[in-house]
Amino acid sequence: MFIEPRRYNIHTGWIEVICGSMFSGKTEELLRRLKRAKFANLRVEIFKPQIDTRYHDSLVVSHDANHIQSNPVSVAENILLYAHDVDVIGIDEAQFFDDQLPEVCNQLAAKGIRVIVAGLDMDFKGIPFGPMPALMAHAEFVTKVHAICVRCGNPAGYSYRLSDSDTRVLLGEKQEYEPRCRTCFNEGMLNKKSQETRIKTNMSITKKPLT
């Protein structure tokens, strides 16, 4: 379990990253840390990307329906506009932000602010997602949480897309994604690739001119 580090110097800031697959409890852990900060009478602000409207336009909501009021922003740099008179800043769905987010987080930490970031570390193809790799490199603390693979029950670190959409950013829930372990994810991707090959082969045969 993550234990908040002791603040030896009230002016010392840092970056914490919570990462993992979908349904792994990233937002739940983010909300837990922010609520503890509020119990300690610290000034807290939370942000999320404006495109994330799955549950609510302005609330950060976990899959377990816990929520907290947030500030939706269109670009990472706008977070700096709200970063006044605050001790702790939370950022959810960080993978959807632009590449300026790591620099924004560094600036906030340099001001003595505790920055807690949550996001997917990999996209539906298993490729590192958006600014998350850079954030993890700059962070003092990185927590990787896991879901449970729906196929075999092992710890899941991958978000397997059930639909055929190839768009990288596709907002969705259990109807679009399921958590899988490495083995089950690779099997699913291999099956999809084989299916695509069969479809292309059939289309090629169908289009072949008659002689």
N, C-alpha and C. Protein backbone atom coordinates (compact mmCIF):
# COMPACT_ATOMS: atom_id res chain seq x y z
N MET A 1 0.84 -1.20 0.00
CA MET A 1 0.00 0.00 0.00
C MET A 1 0.88 1.25 0.00
N PHE A 2 0.46 2.26 -0.77
CA PHE A 2 1.21 3.51 -0.80
C PHE A 2 0.99 4.28 0.49
N ILE A 3 2.06 4.75 1.10
CA ILE A 3 1.98 5.60 2.29
C ILE A 3 2.56 6.96 1.94
N GLU A 4 1.78 8.00 2.18
CA GLU A 4 2.22 9.35 1.84
C GLU A 4 3.56 9.66 2.50
N PRO A 5 4.52 10.16 1.72
CA PRO A 5 5.82 10.50 2.30
C PRO A 5 5.72 11.67 3.26
N ARG A 6 6.57 11.64 4.27
CA ARG A 6 6.58 12.72 5.25
C ARG A 6 7.15 13.99 4.65
N ARG A 7 6.49 15.11 4.89
CA ARG A 7 6.95 16.39 4.36
C ARG A 7 7.97 16.99 5.34
N TYR A 8 9.24 16.74 5.07
CA TYR A 8 10.30 17.30 5.92
C TYR A 8 10.38 18.80 5.74
N ASN A 9 10.05 19.26 4.53
CA ASN A 9 10.08 20.70 4.25
C ASN A 9 8.77 21.06 3.59
N ILE A 10 8.03 21.96 4.18
CA ILE A 10 6.70 22.30 3.68
C ILE A 10 6.75 22.87 2.27
N HIS A 11 7.93 23.35 1.84
CA HIS A 11 8.06 23.94 0.51
C HIS A 11 8.56 22.92 -0.53
N THR A 12 8.69 21.67 -0.14
CA THR A 12 9.16 20.64 -1.06
C THR A 12 7.99 19.99 -1.77
N GLY A 13 8.01 20.03 -3.11
CA GLY A 13 6.97 19.38 -3.89
C GLY A 13 7.50 18.13 -4.56
N TRP A 14 6.61 17.32 -5.08
CA TRP A 14 7.01 16.10 -5.78
C TRP A 14 5.89 15.63 -6.69
N ILE A 15 6.18 14.62 -7.49
CA ILE A 15 5.21 14.04 -8.42
C ILE A 15 4.99 12.57 -8.07
N GLU A 16 3.73 12.19 -7.98
CA GLU A 16 3.35 10.79 -7.79
C GLU A 16 2.55 10.35 -9.03
N VAL A 17 2.84 9.18 -9.55
CA VAL A 17 2.11 8.65 -10.70
C VAL A 17 1.45 7.34 -10.31
N ILE A 18 0.16 7.25 -10.59
CA ILE A 18 -0.60 6.01 -10.41
C ILE A 18 -0.97 5.52 -11.81
N CYS A 19 -0.48 4.35 -12.19
CA CYS A 19 -0.71 3.87 -13.56
C CYS A 19 -1.18 2.42 -13.55
N GLY A 20 -1.69 1.99 -14.70
CA GLY A 20 -2.18 0.63 -14.84
C GLY A 20 -3.19 0.54 -15.96
N SER A 21 -3.82 -0.60 -16.08
CA SER A 21 -4.81 -0.83 -17.14
C SER A 21 -6.16 -0.26 -16.73
N MET A 22 -7.13 -0.38 -17.62
CA MET A 22 -8.49 -0.01 -17.26
C MET A 22 -9.01 -0.98 -16.20
N PHE A 23 -9.89 -0.47 -15.33
CA PHE A 23 -10.52 -1.25 -14.26
C PHE A 23 -9.52 -1.74 -13.20
N SER A 24 -8.40 -1.04 -13.09
CA SER A 24 -7.38 -1.44 -12.10
C SER A 24 -7.46 -0.62 -10.82
N GLY A 25 -8.31 0.41 -10.79
CA GLY A 25 -8.47 1.20 -9.58
C GLY A 25 -7.59 2.44 -9.52
N LYS A 26 -7.15 2.93 -10.67
CA LYS A 26 -6.28 4.12 -10.70
C LYS A 26 -6.99 5.34 -10.12
N THR A 27 -8.19 5.61 -10.64
CA THR A 27 -8.93 6.79 -10.17
C THR A 27 -9.34 6.62 -8.72
N GLU A 28 -9.69 5.40 -8.34
CA GLU A 28 -10.05 5.12 -6.95
C GLU A 28 -8.89 5.46 -6.01
N GLU A 29 -7.67 5.09 -6.40
CA GLU A 29 -6.49 5.39 -5.59
C GLU A 29 -6.20 6.89 -5.58
N LEU A 30 -6.39 7.54 -6.73
CA LEU A 30 -6.21 9.00 -6.79
C LEU A 30 -7.17 9.69 -5.83
N LEU A 31 -8.45 9.31 -5.85
CA LEU A 31 -9.45 9.91 -4.97
C LEU A 31 -9.12 9.64 -3.50
N ARG A 32 -8.62 8.45 -3.21
CA ARG A 32 -8.25 8.12 -1.83
C ARG A 32 -7.17 9.07 -1.30
N ARG A 33 -6.15 9.30 -2.13
CA ARG A 33 -5.06 10.18 -1.70
C ARG A 33 -5.54 11.63 -1.56
N LEU A 34 -6.38 12.07 -2.47
CA LEU A 34 -6.88 13.44 -2.40
C LEU A 34 -7.78 13.65 -1.19
N LYS A 35 -8.60 12.66 -0.88
CA LYS A 35 -9.47 12.77 0.30
C LYS A 35 -8.65 12.80 1.58
N ARG A 36 -7.58 12.03 1.64
CA ARG A 36 -6.69 12.06 2.81
C ARG A 36 -6.03 13.42 2.95
N ALA A 37 -5.68 14.03 1.81
CA ALA A 37 -5.08 15.37 1.85
C ALA A 37 -6.09 16.38 2.38
N LYS A 38 -7.36 16.22 1.99
CA LYS A 38 -8.40 17.13 2.49
C LYS A 38 -8.62 16.95 3.98
N PHE A 39 -8.56 15.70 4.45
CA PHE A 39 -8.70 15.44 5.89
C PHE A 39 -7.59 16.12 6.67
N ALA A 40 -6.42 16.28 6.01
CA ALA A 40 -5.28 16.94 6.65
C ALA A 40 -5.35 18.46 6.51
N ASN A 41 -6.50 18.95 6.02
CA ASN A 41 -6.74 20.39 5.84
C ASN A 41 -5.79 21.03 4.83
N LEU A 42 -5.36 20.24 3.85
CA LEU A 42 -4.56 20.78 2.76
C LEU A 42 -5.48 21.29 1.66
N ARG A 43 -5.01 22.26 0.93
CA ARG A 43 -5.80 22.85 -0.17
C ARG A 43 -5.59 22.00 -1.42
N VAL A 44 -6.69 21.47 -1.94
CA VAL A 44 -6.63 20.49 -3.02
C VAL A 44 -7.39 20.98 -4.25
N GLU A 45 -6.79 20.75 -5.42
CA GLU A 45 -7.47 20.98 -6.70
C GLU A 45 -7.26 19.75 -7.57
N ILE A 46 -8.27 19.40 -8.38
CA ILE A 46 -8.15 18.26 -9.27
C ILE A 46 -8.57 18.64 -10.67
N PHE A 47 -7.87 18.07 -11.65
CA PHE A 47 -8.10 18.38 -13.06
C PHE A 47 -8.27 17.11 -13.87
N LYS A 48 -9.00 17.23 -14.96
CA LYS A 48 -9.14 16.13 -15.90
C LYS A 48 -9.24 16.71 -17.31
N PRO A 49 -8.93 15.91 -18.34
CA PRO A 49 -9.03 16.42 -19.72
C PRO A 49 -10.48 16.68 -20.10
N GLN A 50 -10.70 17.72 -20.84
CA GLN A 50 -12.06 18.13 -21.20
C GLN A 50 -12.80 17.08 -22.03
N ILE A 51 -12.05 16.24 -22.74
CA ILE A 51 -12.70 15.24 -23.60
C ILE A 51 -13.31 14.09 -22.81
N ASP A 52 -12.94 13.93 -21.54
CA ASP A 52 -13.45 12.81 -20.76
C ASP A 52 -14.79 13.16 -20.13
N THR A 53 -15.87 12.81 -20.80
CA THR A 53 -17.23 13.11 -20.31
C THR A 53 -18.03 11.82 -20.12
N ARG A 54 -17.36 10.70 -19.88
CA ARG A 54 -18.05 9.42 -19.79
C ARG A 54 -19.09 9.41 -18.67
N TYR A 55 -18.73 9.91 -17.49
CA TYR A 55 -19.63 9.88 -16.35
C TYR A 55 -20.25 11.25 -16.07
N HIS A 56 -19.43 12.30 -16.23
CA HIS A 56 -19.90 13.64 -15.88
C HIS A 56 -18.96 14.66 -16.52
N ASP A 57 -19.50 15.83 -16.82
CA ASP A 57 -18.69 16.86 -17.47
C ASP A 57 -17.59 17.40 -16.56
N SER A 58 -17.87 17.53 -15.27
CA SER A 58 -16.89 18.17 -14.39
C SER A 58 -16.46 17.31 -13.21
N LEU A 59 -17.12 16.19 -12.96
CA LEU A 59 -16.72 15.32 -11.86
C LEU A 59 -15.70 14.29 -12.33
N VAL A 60 -14.74 13.98 -11.46
CA VAL A 60 -13.89 12.81 -11.67
C VAL A 60 -14.58 11.66 -10.97
N VAL A 61 -14.93 10.63 -11.73
CA VAL A 61 -15.72 9.52 -11.20
C VAL A 61 -14.97 8.21 -11.45
N SER A 62 -14.87 7.39 -10.41
CA SER A 62 -14.22 6.09 -10.57
C SER A 62 -15.24 5.07 -11.06
N HIS A 63 -14.76 3.87 -11.45
CA HIS A 63 -15.67 2.82 -11.89
C HIS A 63 -16.58 2.35 -10.76
N ASP A 64 -16.17 2.63 -9.52
CA ASP A 64 -16.99 2.26 -8.37
C ASP A 64 -17.93 3.38 -7.95
N ALA A 65 -18.03 4.40 -8.80
CA ALA A 65 -18.99 5.51 -8.62
C ALA A 65 -18.58 6.50 -7.54
N ASN A 66 -17.37 6.42 -6.99
CA ASN A 66 -16.87 7.48 -6.12
C ASN A 66 -16.51 8.68 -6.99
N HIS A 67 -16.66 9.89 -6.44
CA HIS A 67 -16.42 11.06 -7.28
C HIS A 67 -15.94 12.25 -6.47
N ILE A 68 -15.41 13.22 -7.20
CA ILE A 68 -14.95 14.47 -6.61
C ILE A 68 -15.04 15.55 -7.69
N GLN A 69 -15.32 16.76 -7.27
CA GLN A 69 -15.44 17.88 -8.22
C GLN A 69 -14.07 18.19 -8.83
N SER A 70 -14.06 18.47 -10.13
CA SER A 70 -12.79 18.74 -10.81
C SER A 70 -12.92 19.94 -11.74
N ASN A 71 -11.77 20.32 -12.31
CA ASN A 71 -11.71 21.38 -13.31
C ASN A 71 -11.34 20.76 -14.66
N PRO A 72 -12.28 20.65 -15.59
CA PRO A 72 -11.93 20.13 -16.93
C PRO A 72 -11.11 21.16 -17.69
N VAL A 73 -9.99 20.74 -18.28
CA VAL A 73 -9.15 21.66 -19.05
C VAL A 73 -8.84 21.05 -20.41
N SER A 74 -8.68 21.92 -21.40
CA SER A 74 -8.46 21.45 -22.77
C SER A 74 -7.00 21.14 -23.06
N VAL A 75 -6.08 21.88 -22.42
CA VAL A 75 -4.64 21.65 -22.61
C VAL A 75 -3.95 21.68 -21.25
N ALA A 76 -2.83 20.98 -21.15
CA ALA A 76 -2.14 20.84 -19.87
C ALA A 76 -1.71 22.18 -19.29
N GLU A 77 -1.30 23.10 -20.15
CA GLU A 77 -0.78 24.39 -19.69
C GLU A 77 -1.82 25.17 -18.88
N ASN A 78 -3.10 24.92 -19.15
CA ASN A 78 -4.16 25.65 -18.45
C ASN A 78 -4.20 25.30 -16.96
N ILE A 79 -3.62 24.17 -16.59
CA ILE A 79 -3.60 23.80 -15.17
C ILE A 79 -2.84 24.84 -14.36
N LEU A 80 -1.81 25.44 -14.97
CA LEU A 80 -1.01 26.45 -14.27
C LEU A 80 -1.84 27.68 -13.90
N LEU A 81 -2.90 27.93 -14.64
CA LEU A 81 -3.75 29.09 -14.36
C LEU A 81 -4.51 28.94 -13.05
N TYR A 82 -4.73 27.69 -12.63
CA TYR A 82 -5.49 27.43 -11.40
C TYR A 82 -4.61 27.04 -10.23
N ALA A 83 -3.32 26.97 -10.46
CA ALA A 83 -2.40 26.46 -9.44
C ALA A 83 -1.93 27.54 -8.47
N HIS A 84 -2.88 28.23 -7.87
CA HIS A 84 -2.54 29.27 -6.90
C HIS A 84 -3.16 28.92 -5.55
N ASP A 85 -2.41 29.14 -4.48
CA ASP A 85 -2.90 28.87 -3.12
C ASP A 85 -3.40 27.44 -3.00
N VAL A 86 -2.58 26.50 -3.46
CA VAL A 86 -2.95 25.09 -3.41
C VAL A 86 -1.76 24.27 -2.92
N ASP A 87 -2.05 23.22 -2.15
CA ASP A 87 -1.00 22.35 -1.62
C ASP A 87 -0.86 21.06 -2.42
N VAL A 88 -2.00 20.55 -2.90
CA VAL A 88 -2.02 19.26 -3.61
C VAL A 88 -2.85 19.40 -4.88
N ILE A 89 -2.31 18.87 -5.98
CA ILE A 89 -3.04 18.87 -7.25
C ILE A 89 -3.16 17.43 -7.74
N GLY A 90 -4.38 17.05 -8.10
CA GLY A 90 -4.64 15.74 -8.68
C GLY A 90 -4.97 15.87 -10.16
N ILE A 91 -4.48 14.96 -10.96
CA ILE A 91 -4.73 14.98 -12.41
C ILE A 91 -5.16 13.57 -12.83
N ASP A 92 -6.37 13.44 -13.36
CA ASP A 92 -6.88 12.14 -13.77
C ASP A 92 -6.84 11.99 -15.28
N GLU A 93 -6.82 10.74 -15.76
CA GLU A 93 -6.79 10.41 -17.19
C GLU A 93 -5.66 11.17 -17.91
N ALA A 94 -4.49 11.13 -17.31
CA ALA A 94 -3.34 11.90 -17.82
C ALA A 94 -2.95 11.52 -19.23
N GLN A 95 -3.24 10.29 -19.65
CA GLN A 95 -2.84 9.84 -20.98
C GLN A 95 -3.49 10.65 -22.10
N PHE A 96 -4.61 11.31 -21.79
CA PHE A 96 -5.32 12.08 -22.81
C PHE A 96 -4.79 13.51 -22.96
N PHE A 97 -3.90 13.92 -22.06
CA PHE A 97 -3.34 15.27 -22.14
C PHE A 97 -2.22 15.33 -23.19
N ASP A 98 -1.85 16.55 -23.55
CA ASP A 98 -0.79 16.75 -24.53
C ASP A 98 0.58 16.54 -23.89
N ASP A 99 1.63 16.62 -24.70
CA ASP A 99 2.99 16.32 -24.24
C ASP A 99 3.58 17.38 -23.31
N GLN A 100 2.86 18.47 -23.07
CA GLN A 100 3.33 19.50 -22.15
C GLN A 100 3.07 19.13 -20.70
N LEU A 101 2.27 18.09 -20.45
CA LEU A 101 1.90 17.75 -19.08
C LEU A 101 3.10 17.47 -18.17
N PRO A 102 4.12 16.72 -18.60
CA PRO A 102 5.27 16.50 -17.72
C PRO A 102 5.94 17.81 -17.29
N GLU A 103 6.09 18.74 -18.22
CA GLU A 103 6.71 20.03 -17.88
C GLU A 103 5.83 20.81 -16.91
N VAL A 104 4.51 20.77 -17.13
CA VAL A 104 3.58 21.44 -16.22
C VAL A 104 3.71 20.86 -14.82
N CYS A 105 3.76 19.53 -14.71
CA CYS A 105 3.89 18.87 -13.41
C CYS A 105 5.22 19.23 -12.75
N ASN A 106 6.29 19.32 -13.54
CA ASN A 106 7.59 19.71 -12.99
C ASN A 106 7.55 21.13 -12.43
N GLN A 107 6.88 22.02 -13.14
CA GLN A 107 6.76 23.41 -12.66
C GLN A 107 5.96 23.47 -11.36
N LEU A 108 4.90 22.67 -11.28
CA LEU A 108 4.08 22.66 -10.06
C LEU A 108 4.88 22.12 -8.88
N ALA A 109 5.61 21.01 -9.11
CA ALA A 109 6.41 20.43 -8.04
C ALA A 109 7.51 21.38 -7.58
N ALA A 110 8.06 22.14 -8.54
CA ALA A 110 9.11 23.11 -8.19
C ALA A 110 8.57 24.23 -7.31
N LYS A 111 7.27 24.44 -7.35
CA LYS A 111 6.63 25.46 -6.51
C LYS A 111 6.27 24.92 -5.12
N GLY A 112 6.61 23.67 -4.87
CA GLY A 112 6.31 23.08 -3.56
C GLY A 112 4.98 22.36 -3.50
N ILE A 113 4.39 22.06 -4.66
CA ILE A 113 3.08 21.41 -4.70
C ILE A 113 3.25 19.90 -4.87
N ARG A 114 2.45 19.15 -4.14
CA ARG A 114 2.39 17.70 -4.31
C ARG A 114 1.46 17.42 -5.50
N VAL A 115 1.98 16.77 -6.53
CA VAL A 115 1.22 16.50 -7.75
C VAL A 115 0.97 15.00 -7.85
N ILE A 116 -0.32 14.62 -7.92
CA ILE A 116 -0.70 13.21 -8.01
C ILE A 116 -1.38 13.00 -9.36
N VAL A 117 -0.79 12.14 -10.18
CA VAL A 117 -1.26 11.92 -11.55
C VAL A 117 -1.71 10.47 -11.71
N ALA A 118 -2.87 10.28 -12.34
CA ALA A 118 -3.36 8.92 -12.62
C ALA A 118 -3.64 8.78 -14.11
N GLY A 119 -3.28 7.63 -14.68
CA GLY A 119 -3.55 7.43 -16.10
C GLY A 119 -3.16 6.05 -16.59
N LEU A 120 -3.63 5.73 -17.79
CA LEU A 120 -3.26 4.48 -18.44
C LEU A 120 -1.81 4.55 -18.89
N ASP A 121 -1.01 3.55 -18.57
CA ASP A 121 0.37 3.55 -19.02
C ASP A 121 0.51 3.02 -20.44
N MET A 122 -0.49 2.22 -20.91
CA MET A 122 -0.46 1.67 -22.27
C MET A 122 -1.82 1.81 -22.94
N ASP A 123 -1.80 1.95 -24.27
CA ASP A 123 -3.06 2.01 -25.01
C ASP A 123 -3.56 0.61 -25.33
N PHE A 124 -4.58 0.50 -26.17
CA PHE A 124 -5.21 -0.79 -26.43
C PHE A 124 -4.32 -1.73 -27.24
N LYS A 125 -3.23 -1.21 -27.79
CA LYS A 125 -2.28 -2.05 -28.51
C LYS A 125 -1.07 -2.44 -27.64
N GLY A 126 -1.07 -1.98 -26.39
CA GLY A 126 0.06 -2.26 -25.51
C GLY A 126 1.23 -1.33 -25.72
N ILE A 127 0.97 -0.16 -26.31
CA ILE A 127 2.01 0.84 -26.58
C ILE A 127 1.95 1.93 -25.51
N PRO A 128 3.09 2.36 -24.95
CA PRO A 128 3.09 3.46 -23.96
C PRO A 128 2.25 4.64 -24.44
N PHE A 129 1.44 5.17 -23.54
CA PHE A 129 0.36 6.08 -23.90
C PHE A 129 0.69 7.54 -23.56
N GLY A 130 0.69 8.39 -24.59
CA GLY A 130 0.80 9.84 -24.41
C GLY A 130 1.96 10.27 -23.53
N PRO A 131 1.71 11.20 -22.58
CA PRO A 131 2.80 11.71 -21.74
C PRO A 131 3.14 10.83 -20.55
N MET A 132 2.48 9.67 -20.42
CA MET A 132 2.69 8.84 -19.23
C MET A 132 4.14 8.36 -19.05
N PRO A 133 4.84 7.90 -20.10
CA PRO A 133 6.23 7.46 -19.89
C PRO A 133 7.12 8.57 -19.32
N ALA A 134 6.98 9.79 -19.84
CA ALA A 134 7.79 10.90 -19.35
C ALA A 134 7.42 11.25 -17.91
N LEU A 135 6.13 11.19 -17.60
CA LEU A 135 5.69 11.48 -16.23
C LEU A 135 6.28 10.47 -15.25
N MET A 136 6.29 9.20 -15.64
CA MET A 136 6.83 8.16 -14.77
C MET A 136 8.33 8.35 -14.56
N ALA A 137 9.02 8.86 -15.59
CA ALA A 137 10.46 9.10 -15.47
C ALA A 137 10.76 10.25 -14.52
N HIS A 138 9.91 11.27 -14.52
CA HIS A 138 10.13 12.45 -13.68
C HIS A 138 9.62 12.26 -12.25
N ALA A 139 8.74 11.32 -12.03
CA ALA A 139 8.07 11.17 -10.74
C ALA A 139 8.99 10.63 -9.65
N GLU A 140 8.78 11.12 -8.44
CA GLU A 140 9.48 10.57 -7.29
C GLU A 140 8.87 9.23 -6.86
N PHE A 141 7.58 9.07 -7.07
CA PHE A 141 6.87 7.87 -6.65
C PHE A 141 5.97 7.37 -7.79
N VAL A 142 6.10 6.09 -8.12
CA VAL A 142 5.27 5.47 -9.16
C VAL A 142 4.59 4.24 -8.57
N THR A 143 3.27 4.20 -8.68
CA THR A 143 2.49 3.06 -8.20
C THR A 143 1.78 2.42 -9.39
N LYS A 144 2.08 1.15 -9.67
CA LYS A 144 1.38 0.45 -10.74
C LYS A 144 0.34 -0.47 -10.11
N VAL A 145 -0.92 -0.22 -10.46
CA VAL A 145 -2.02 -1.02 -9.93
C VAL A 145 -2.49 -2.00 -11.01
N HIS A 146 -3.11 -3.08 -10.61
CA HIS A 146 -3.52 -4.11 -11.55
C HIS A 146 -5.00 -4.45 -11.40
N ALA A 147 -5.60 -4.78 -12.53
CA ALA A 147 -6.95 -5.32 -12.53
C ALA A 147 -6.84 -6.84 -12.47
N ILE A 148 -7.96 -7.53 -12.64
CA ILE A 148 -7.97 -8.99 -12.71
C ILE A 148 -8.33 -9.40 -14.13
N CYS A 149 -7.53 -10.26 -14.72
CA CYS A 149 -7.80 -10.73 -16.08
C CYS A 149 -9.13 -11.47 -16.13
N VAL A 150 -10.02 -11.03 -17.00
CA VAL A 150 -11.35 -11.64 -17.08
C VAL A 150 -11.30 -13.03 -17.72
N ARG A 151 -10.16 -13.38 -18.34
CA ARG A 151 -10.04 -14.66 -19.01
C ARG A 151 -9.49 -15.76 -18.10
N CYS A 152 -8.49 -15.41 -17.27
CA CYS A 152 -7.83 -16.45 -16.48
C CYS A 152 -7.71 -16.13 -15.00
N GLY A 153 -7.99 -14.87 -14.61
CA GLY A 153 -7.94 -14.52 -13.20
C GLY A 153 -6.59 -14.04 -12.70
N ASN A 154 -5.59 -14.01 -13.55
CA ASN A 154 -4.28 -13.50 -13.16
C ASN A 154 -4.28 -11.97 -13.11
N PRO A 155 -3.26 -11.35 -12.49
CA PRO A 155 -3.17 -9.89 -12.50
C PRO A 155 -3.13 -9.37 -13.93
N ALA A 156 -3.92 -8.33 -14.20
CA ALA A 156 -4.03 -7.79 -15.56
C ALA A 156 -3.38 -6.42 -15.65
N GLY A 157 -2.53 -6.25 -16.66
CA GLY A 157 -1.88 -4.96 -16.88
C GLY A 157 -2.18 -4.36 -18.23
N TYR A 158 -3.07 -5.01 -19.00
CA TYR A 158 -3.38 -4.58 -20.36
C TYR A 158 -4.87 -4.29 -20.51
N SER A 159 -5.18 -3.32 -21.36
CA SER A 159 -6.57 -2.97 -21.68
C SER A 159 -6.89 -3.50 -23.07
N TYR A 160 -7.62 -4.59 -23.14
CA TYR A 160 -7.92 -5.23 -24.43
C TYR A 160 -9.21 -4.63 -24.99
N ARG A 161 -9.13 -4.12 -26.22
CA ARG A 161 -10.31 -3.51 -26.85
C ARG A 161 -11.15 -4.59 -27.53
N LEU A 162 -12.42 -4.62 -27.21
CA LEU A 162 -13.32 -5.63 -27.75
C LEU A 162 -13.83 -5.28 -29.14
N SER A 163 -13.93 -3.99 -29.43
CA SER A 163 -14.44 -3.56 -30.74
C SER A 163 -13.32 -3.59 -31.78
N ASP A 164 -13.70 -3.39 -33.04
CA ASP A 164 -12.73 -3.40 -34.14
C ASP A 164 -12.15 -2.02 -34.44
N SER A 165 -12.57 -1.00 -33.68
CA SER A 165 -12.10 0.35 -33.92
C SER A 165 -10.58 0.43 -33.75
N ASP A 166 -9.93 1.16 -34.65
CA ASP A 166 -8.47 1.33 -34.58
C ASP A 166 -8.08 2.72 -34.10
N THR A 167 -9.08 3.52 -33.68
CA THR A 167 -8.82 4.86 -33.16
C THR A 167 -8.13 4.75 -31.80
N ARG A 168 -7.05 5.49 -31.62
CA ARG A 168 -6.29 5.34 -30.37
C ARG A 168 -7.10 5.81 -29.17
N VAL A 169 -7.76 6.97 -29.31
CA VAL A 169 -8.58 7.49 -28.21
C VAL A 169 -10.02 7.11 -28.47
N LEU A 170 -10.50 6.16 -27.70
CA LEU A 170 -11.88 5.71 -27.80
C LEU A 170 -12.42 5.54 -26.39
N LEU A 171 -13.22 6.52 -25.95
CA LEU A 171 -13.78 6.46 -24.61
C LEU A 171 -14.76 5.30 -24.52
N GLY A 172 -14.68 4.55 -23.45
CA GLY A 172 -15.59 3.42 -23.31
C GLY A 172 -15.44 2.75 -21.96
N GLU A 173 -16.33 1.81 -21.72
CA GLU A 173 -16.31 1.06 -20.47
C GLU A 173 -16.27 -0.44 -20.79
N LYS A 174 -17.00 -1.24 -20.04
CA LYS A 174 -16.92 -2.69 -20.17
C LYS A 174 -17.45 -3.19 -21.52
N GLN A 175 -18.25 -2.36 -22.20
CA GLN A 175 -18.72 -2.77 -23.52
C GLN A 175 -17.64 -2.61 -24.58
N GLU A 176 -16.60 -1.86 -24.26
CA GLU A 176 -15.52 -1.59 -25.22
C GLU A 176 -14.19 -2.25 -24.82
N TYR A 177 -13.97 -2.43 -23.52
CA TYR A 177 -12.67 -2.91 -23.05
C TYR A 177 -12.82 -3.98 -21.98
N GLU A 178 -11.79 -4.80 -21.83
CA GLU A 178 -11.70 -5.70 -20.71
C GLU A 178 -10.24 -5.85 -20.30
N PRO A 179 -9.98 -5.99 -19.00
CA PRO A 179 -8.59 -6.15 -18.53
C PRO A 179 -8.10 -7.56 -18.80
N ARG A 180 -6.85 -7.66 -19.27
CA ARG A 180 -6.26 -8.97 -19.54
C ARG A 180 -4.82 -9.01 -19.06
N CYS A 181 -4.35 -10.21 -18.74
CA CYS A 181 -2.95 -10.42 -18.42
C CYS A 181 -2.15 -10.43 -19.73
N ARG A 182 -0.86 -10.51 -19.62
CA ARG A 182 0.01 -10.47 -20.81
C ARG A 182 -0.33 -11.60 -21.79
N THR A 183 -0.48 -12.83 -21.27
CA THR A 183 -0.73 -13.98 -22.15
C THR A 183 -2.06 -13.87 -22.86
N CYS A 184 -3.12 -13.55 -22.13
CA CYS A 184 -4.45 -13.46 -22.72
C CYS A 184 -4.57 -12.26 -23.67
N PHE A 185 -3.85 -11.19 -23.35
CA PHE A 185 -3.83 -10.03 -24.24
C PHE A 185 -3.17 -10.39 -25.57
N ASN A 186 -2.00 -11.04 -25.49
CA ASN A 186 -1.29 -11.43 -26.71
C ASN A 186 -2.09 -12.41 -27.55
N GLU A 187 -2.79 -13.33 -26.89
CA GLU A 187 -3.64 -14.28 -27.62
C GLU A 187 -4.76 -13.54 -28.35
N GLY A 188 -5.37 -12.58 -27.68
CA GLY A 188 -6.44 -11.80 -28.30
C GLY A 188 -5.96 -10.99 -29.49
N MET A 189 -4.79 -10.37 -29.34
CA MET A 189 -4.24 -9.58 -30.44
C MET A 189 -3.88 -10.47 -31.63
N LEU A 190 -3.37 -11.66 -31.34
CA LEU A 190 -3.02 -12.60 -32.40
C LEU A 190 -4.27 -13.09 -33.13
N ASN A 191 -5.33 -13.35 -32.39
CA ASN A 191 -6.59 -13.78 -33.00
C ASN A 191 -7.18 -12.68 -33.89
N LYS A 192 -7.07 -11.43 -33.42
CA LYS A 192 -7.56 -10.31 -34.23
C LYS A 192 -6.78 -10.19 -35.53
N LYS A 193 -5.47 -10.34 -35.41
CA LYS A 193 -4.61 -10.24 -36.60
C LYS A 193 -4.94 -11.35 -37.59
N SER A 194 -5.17 -12.57 -37.09
CA SER A 194 -5.52 -13.70 -37.96
C SER A 194 -6.86 -13.46 -38.63
N GLN A 195 -7.80 -12.90 -37.88
CA GLN A 195 -9.12 -12.61 -38.44
C GLN A 195 -9.03 -11.55 -39.54
N GLU A 196 -8.23 -10.51 -39.29
CA GLU A 196 -8.04 -9.47 -40.30
C GLU A 196 -7.42 -10.04 -41.57
N THR A 197 -6.46 -10.95 -41.40
CA THR A 197 -5.81 -11.58 -42.55
C THR A 197 -6.81 -12.40 -43.36
N ARG A 198 -7.69 -13.14 -42.66
CA ARG A 198 -8.70 -13.94 -43.35
C ARG A 198 -9.67 -13.06 -44.12
N ILE A 199 -10.08 -11.94 -43.51
CA ILE A 199 -11.01 -11.02 -44.17
C ILE A 199 -10.39 -10.44 -45.43
N LYS A 200 -9.11 -10.01 -45.32
CA LYS A 200 -8.43 -9.44 -46.49
C LYS A 200 -8.27 -10.48 -47.59
N THR A 201 -7.99 -11.72 -47.21
CA THR A 201 -7.84 -12.79 -48.19
C THR A 201 -9.15 -13.06 -48.90
N ASN A 202 -10.24 -13.12 -48.14
CA ASN A 202 -11.56 -13.33 -48.72
C ASN A 202 -11.98 -12.21 -49.66
N MET A 203 -11.65 -10.97 -49.27
CA MET A 203 -11.97 -9.82 -50.10
C MET A 203 -11.19 -9.88 -51.40
N SER A 204 -9.92 -10.31 -51.31
CA SER A 204 -9.07 -10.40 -52.50
C SER A 204 -9.62 -11.45 -53.45
N ILE A 205 -10.09 -12.57 -52.91
CA ILE A 205 -10.65 -13.64 -53.74
C ILE A 205 -11.95 -13.18 -54.39
N THR A 206 -12.76 -12.43 -53.63
CA THR A 206 -14.05 -11.95 -54.14
C THR A 206 -13.86 -10.98 -55.29
N LYS A 207 -12.83 -10.12 -55.19
CA LYS A 207 -12.58 -9.11 -56.20
C LYS A 207 -11.83 -9.65 -57.42
N LYS A 208 -11.35 -10.88 -57.33
CA LYS A 208 -10.56 -11.46 -58.45
C LYS A 208 -11.45 -11.60 -59.67
N PRO A 209 -11.03 -11.04 -60.82
CA PRO A 209 -11.87 -11.08 -62.04
C PRO A 209 -12.03 -12.50 -62.55
N LEU A 210 -13.24 -12.78 -63.05
CA LEU A 210 -13.51 -14.09 -63.63
C LEU A 210 -12.87 -14.21 -65.01
N THR A 211 -12.33 -15.38 -65.32
CA THR A 211 -11.71 -15.59 -66.65
C THR A 211 -12.52 -16.59 -67.45
